[in-house]
Amino acid sequence: MQAIELLLTRNSHPKLTDPIPEGASLERIYQAALRAPDHGGLKPWHFIEFTGEGRTRLGEVFAKAELAQNPGADIEVTYKLRATPLRAPMIIAVAAKIQEHPKVPASEQLLSAGCAAHGLVLAAEAEGYAAMWRSGWLCFDPLVKKELGLEATDELVGFVYLGTPLGRRKRLPEYDVKVFVEKWN
């Protein structure tokens, strides 16, 4: 697949199944993520991979976070949170390990980790898999970060759900570039 074709046709795929990327394919996916822009060479990226029972453990972390915020949470809400990581056979949490640096603010480190997550998504697609980058309140929850072994200063940029696409890919809209581009001549 040509790079431009990948960039123009990539889209999120919410229905994923086995097989998952493994071996050399998974190594290439991670290597692509590690090519993210990195001002100062800080390598602020950190990945946590969940497969098998690890996804169940992640679901428990999600439910625990809900109960910490809302002790009277409805059992259906916690059940749904426990099942959330089971939507895909592999999940990779992407975090920014924020470091103090005189020339590289936390915002740039966070953007770099976001680029690493995007690299995961694009590389998975290039390897014949599909992905869905999910975020939401769980990425900002201090208990989730703590349970994942992250520091309070670290930022969780998302959970990349990976697997083999199930069903058809959705049609992508065409955008009018002029709406998004301002030119100064």
Protein backbone atom coordinates (compact mmCIF):
# COMPACT_ATOMS: atom_id res chain seq x y z
CA MET A 1 0.00 0.00 0.00
CA GLN A 2 1.34 3.41 -0.93
CA ALA A 3 1.75 5.84 1.97
CA ILE A 4 -0.58 8.44 0.46
CA GLU A 5 -3.28 5.82 -0.13
CA LEU A 6 -2.97 4.73 3.51
CA LEU A 7 -3.28 8.32 4.73
CA LEU A 8 -6.30 9.03 2.52
CA THR A 9 -8.22 5.82 3.24
CA ARG A 10 -7.49 5.06 6.90
CA ASN A 11 -10.49 5.18 9.19
CA SER A 12 -11.51 3.86 12.57
CA HIS A 13 -12.98 0.39 12.64
CA PRO A 14 -15.10 -0.34 15.73
CA LYS A 15 -15.60 -4.08 15.09
CA LEU A 16 -12.38 -6.02 15.54
CA THR A 17 -11.61 -9.70 15.94
CA ASP A 18 -8.68 -12.12 15.90
CA PRO A 19 -6.07 -12.46 14.63
CA ILE A 20 -4.02 -9.72 16.23
CA PRO A 21 -0.67 -8.43 15.06
CA GLU A 22 2.17 -10.57 16.39
CA GLY A 23 5.85 -11.20 15.83
CA ALA A 24 7.53 -9.18 13.11
CA SER A 25 4.27 -7.44 12.20
CA LEU A 26 3.76 -6.15 15.74
CA GLU A 27 7.42 -5.16 15.92
CA ARG A 28 7.00 -3.05 12.73
CA ILE A 29 3.89 -1.41 14.20
CA TYR A 30 5.79 -0.38 17.32
CA GLN A 31 8.82 0.72 15.28
CA ALA A 32 6.54 2.96 13.20
CA ALA A 33 5.10 4.49 16.38
CA LEU A 34 8.62 5.20 17.62
CA ARG A 35 9.21 7.41 14.56
CA ALA A 36 6.94 10.10 16.02
CA PRO A 37 8.34 13.64 16.00
CA ASP A 38 10.42 14.07 19.14
CA HIS A 39 11.80 17.54 19.87
CA GLY A 40 14.79 17.17 22.15
CA GLY A 41 15.02 13.40 21.70
CA LEU A 42 13.08 12.84 24.94
CA LYS A 43 11.27 9.71 23.71
CA PRO A 44 8.24 10.52 25.88
CA TRP A 45 6.21 7.55 24.60
CA HIS A 46 5.11 4.63 26.74
CA PHE A 47 2.93 1.73 25.56
CA ILE A 48 1.01 -0.78 27.68
CA GLU A 49 -0.23 -3.79 25.73
CA PHE A 50 -3.34 -5.73 26.79
CA THR A 51 -4.30 -9.11 25.36
CA GLY A 52 -6.09 -12.15 26.76
CA GLU A 53 -6.81 -11.80 30.48
CA GLY A 54 -5.00 -8.46 30.49
CA ARG A 55 -8.11 -6.99 28.85
CA THR A 56 -10.24 -8.33 31.71
CA ARG A 57 -7.87 -6.74 34.23
CA LEU A 58 -8.14 -3.44 32.34
CA GLY A 59 -11.94 -3.70 32.51
CA GLU A 60 -11.66 -4.09 36.29
CA VAL A 61 -9.56 -0.92 36.42
CA PHE A 62 -12.25 0.91 34.44
CA ALA A 63 -15.00 -0.28 36.80
CA LYS A 64 -12.91 0.61 39.85
CA ALA A 65 -12.44 4.14 38.48
CA GLU A 66 -16.19 4.53 38.00
CA LEU A 67 -16.90 3.33 41.54
CA ALA A 68 -14.26 5.69 42.96
CA GLN A 69 -15.95 8.64 41.24
CA ASN A 70 -19.47 7.42 41.77
CA PRO A 71 -19.77 4.97 44.72
CA GLY A 72 -23.46 4.45 43.97
CA ALA A 73 -22.87 3.59 40.31
CA ASP A 74 -25.45 1.42 38.64
CA ILE A 75 -24.30 -2.17 38.24
CA GLU A 76 -25.05 -1.96 34.51
CA VAL A 77 -22.60 0.92 34.17
CA THR A 78 -19.81 -1.01 35.87
CA TYR A 79 -20.66 -4.13 33.86
CA LYS A 80 -20.38 -2.15 30.63
CA LEU A 81 -17.04 -0.68 31.71
CA ARG A 82 -15.72 -4.15 32.54
CA ALA A 83 -16.72 -5.32 29.07
CA THR A 84 -15.33 -2.30 27.20
CA PRO A 85 -11.80 -3.73 26.70
CA LEU A 86 -13.29 -6.94 25.34
CA ARG A 87 -14.40 -5.11 22.17
CA ALA A 88 -11.05 -5.91 20.56
CA PRO A 89 -8.54 -8.73 20.92
CA MET A 90 -5.68 -6.29 21.63
CA ILE A 91 -5.50 -2.86 23.23
CA ILE A 92 -2.46 -0.63 23.51
CA ALA A 93 -2.61 2.22 25.99
CA VAL A 94 -0.45 5.12 24.85
CA ALA A 95 0.96 7.48 27.43
CA ALA A 96 3.22 10.51 27.42
CA LYS A 97 5.92 10.25 30.08
CA ILE A 98 6.23 13.96 30.73
CA GLN A 99 9.71 15.19 31.61
CA GLU A 100 10.93 18.58 32.79
CA HIS A 101 12.89 20.19 29.97
CA PRO A 102 13.88 23.83 29.38
CA LYS A 103 13.12 23.72 25.64
CA VAL A 104 10.43 21.04 25.30
CA PRO A 105 7.21 21.88 27.16
CA ALA A 106 4.79 19.21 28.32
CA SER A 107 2.44 20.11 25.48
CA GLU A 108 5.04 19.10 22.87
CA GLN A 109 5.69 15.82 24.67
CA LEU A 110 1.97 15.13 24.74
CA LEU A 111 1.69 15.88 21.02
CA SER A 112 4.61 13.54 20.36
CA ALA A 113 2.82 10.72 22.20
CA GLY A 114 -0.30 11.51 20.17
CA CYS A 115 1.77 11.16 17.00
CA ALA A 116 3.06 7.82 18.31
CA ALA A 117 -0.54 6.66 18.80
CA HIS A 118 -1.37 7.78 15.27
CA GLY A 119 1.69 5.89 14.06
CA LEU A 120 0.35 2.73 15.73
CA VAL A 121 -2.99 3.18 14.00
CA LEU A 122 -1.46 3.82 10.57
CA ALA A 123 1.06 1.00 10.84
CA ALA A 124 -1.63 -1.47 11.93
CA GLU A 125 -3.60 -0.53 8.83
CA ALA A 126 -0.50 -0.90 6.65
CA GLU A 127 0.05 -4.37 8.13
CA GLY A 128 -3.50 -5.42 7.17
CA TYR A 129 -5.15 -4.90 10.55
CA ALA A 130 -7.50 -2.19 11.75
CA ALA A 131 -7.69 0.05 14.78
CA MET A 132 -9.89 2.36 16.79
CA TRP A 133 -8.32 5.08 18.93
CA ARG A 134 -10.51 5.60 21.98
CA SER A 135 -10.19 8.19 24.70
CA GLY A 136 -12.78 9.72 27.00
CA TRP A 137 -12.84 10.35 30.72
CA LEU A 138 -10.91 7.17 31.55
CA CYS A 139 -7.79 8.72 29.98
CA PHE A 140 -7.96 11.59 32.43
CA ASP A 141 -8.86 9.63 35.53
CA PRO A 142 -6.06 9.65 38.15
CA LEU A 143 -6.98 6.19 39.44
CA VAL A 144 -6.70 4.69 35.94
CA LYS A 145 -3.28 6.29 35.52
CA LYS A 146 -2.16 5.01 38.92
CA GLU A 147 -3.44 1.47 38.25
CA LEU A 148 -1.55 1.44 34.95
CA GLY A 149 1.66 2.39 36.76
CA LEU A 150 1.82 5.92 35.39
CA GLU A 151 3.03 8.94 37.32
CA ALA A 152 0.67 11.80 38.17
CA THR A 153 2.54 13.99 35.65
CA ASP A 154 2.13 11.46 32.83
CA GLU A 155 -0.69 11.83 30.35
CA LEU A 156 -2.71 8.97 28.92
CA VAL A 157 -3.44 9.93 25.31
CA GLY A 158 -5.67 7.01 24.45
CA PHE A 159 -6.39 3.35 24.09
CA VAL A 160 -5.72 1.95 20.62
CA TYR A 161 -7.96 -1.05 20.00
CA LEU A 162 -6.37 -3.42 17.45
CA GLY A 163 -7.39 -6.49 15.52
CA THR A 164 -8.67 -7.76 12.22
CA PRO A 165 -11.58 -5.75 10.81
CA LEU A 166 -14.98 -7.40 11.00
CA GLY A 167 -17.47 -6.31 8.36
CA ARG A 168 -17.19 -3.58 5.78
CA ARG A 169 -15.21 -0.43 6.21
CA LYS A 170 -17.32 2.69 6.44
CA ARG A 171 -17.34 5.25 3.66
CA LEU A 172 -15.23 8.29 4.32
CA PRO A 173 -16.52 11.80 3.65
CA GLU A 174 -14.71 14.10 1.27
CA TYR A 175 -13.65 17.40 2.81
CA ASP A 176 -13.29 20.74 1.09
CA VAL A 177 -9.70 21.70 1.83
CA LYS A 178 -10.54 25.40 1.42
CA VAL A 179 -12.66 25.24 4.59
CA PHE A 180 -9.60 24.28 6.66
CA VAL A 181 -6.76 26.13 4.96
CA GLU A 182 -6.03 29.82 5.27
CA LYS A 183 -3.46 31.19 2.85
CA TRP A 184 -1.26 34.20 3.41
CA ASN A 185 0.34 35.24 0.14
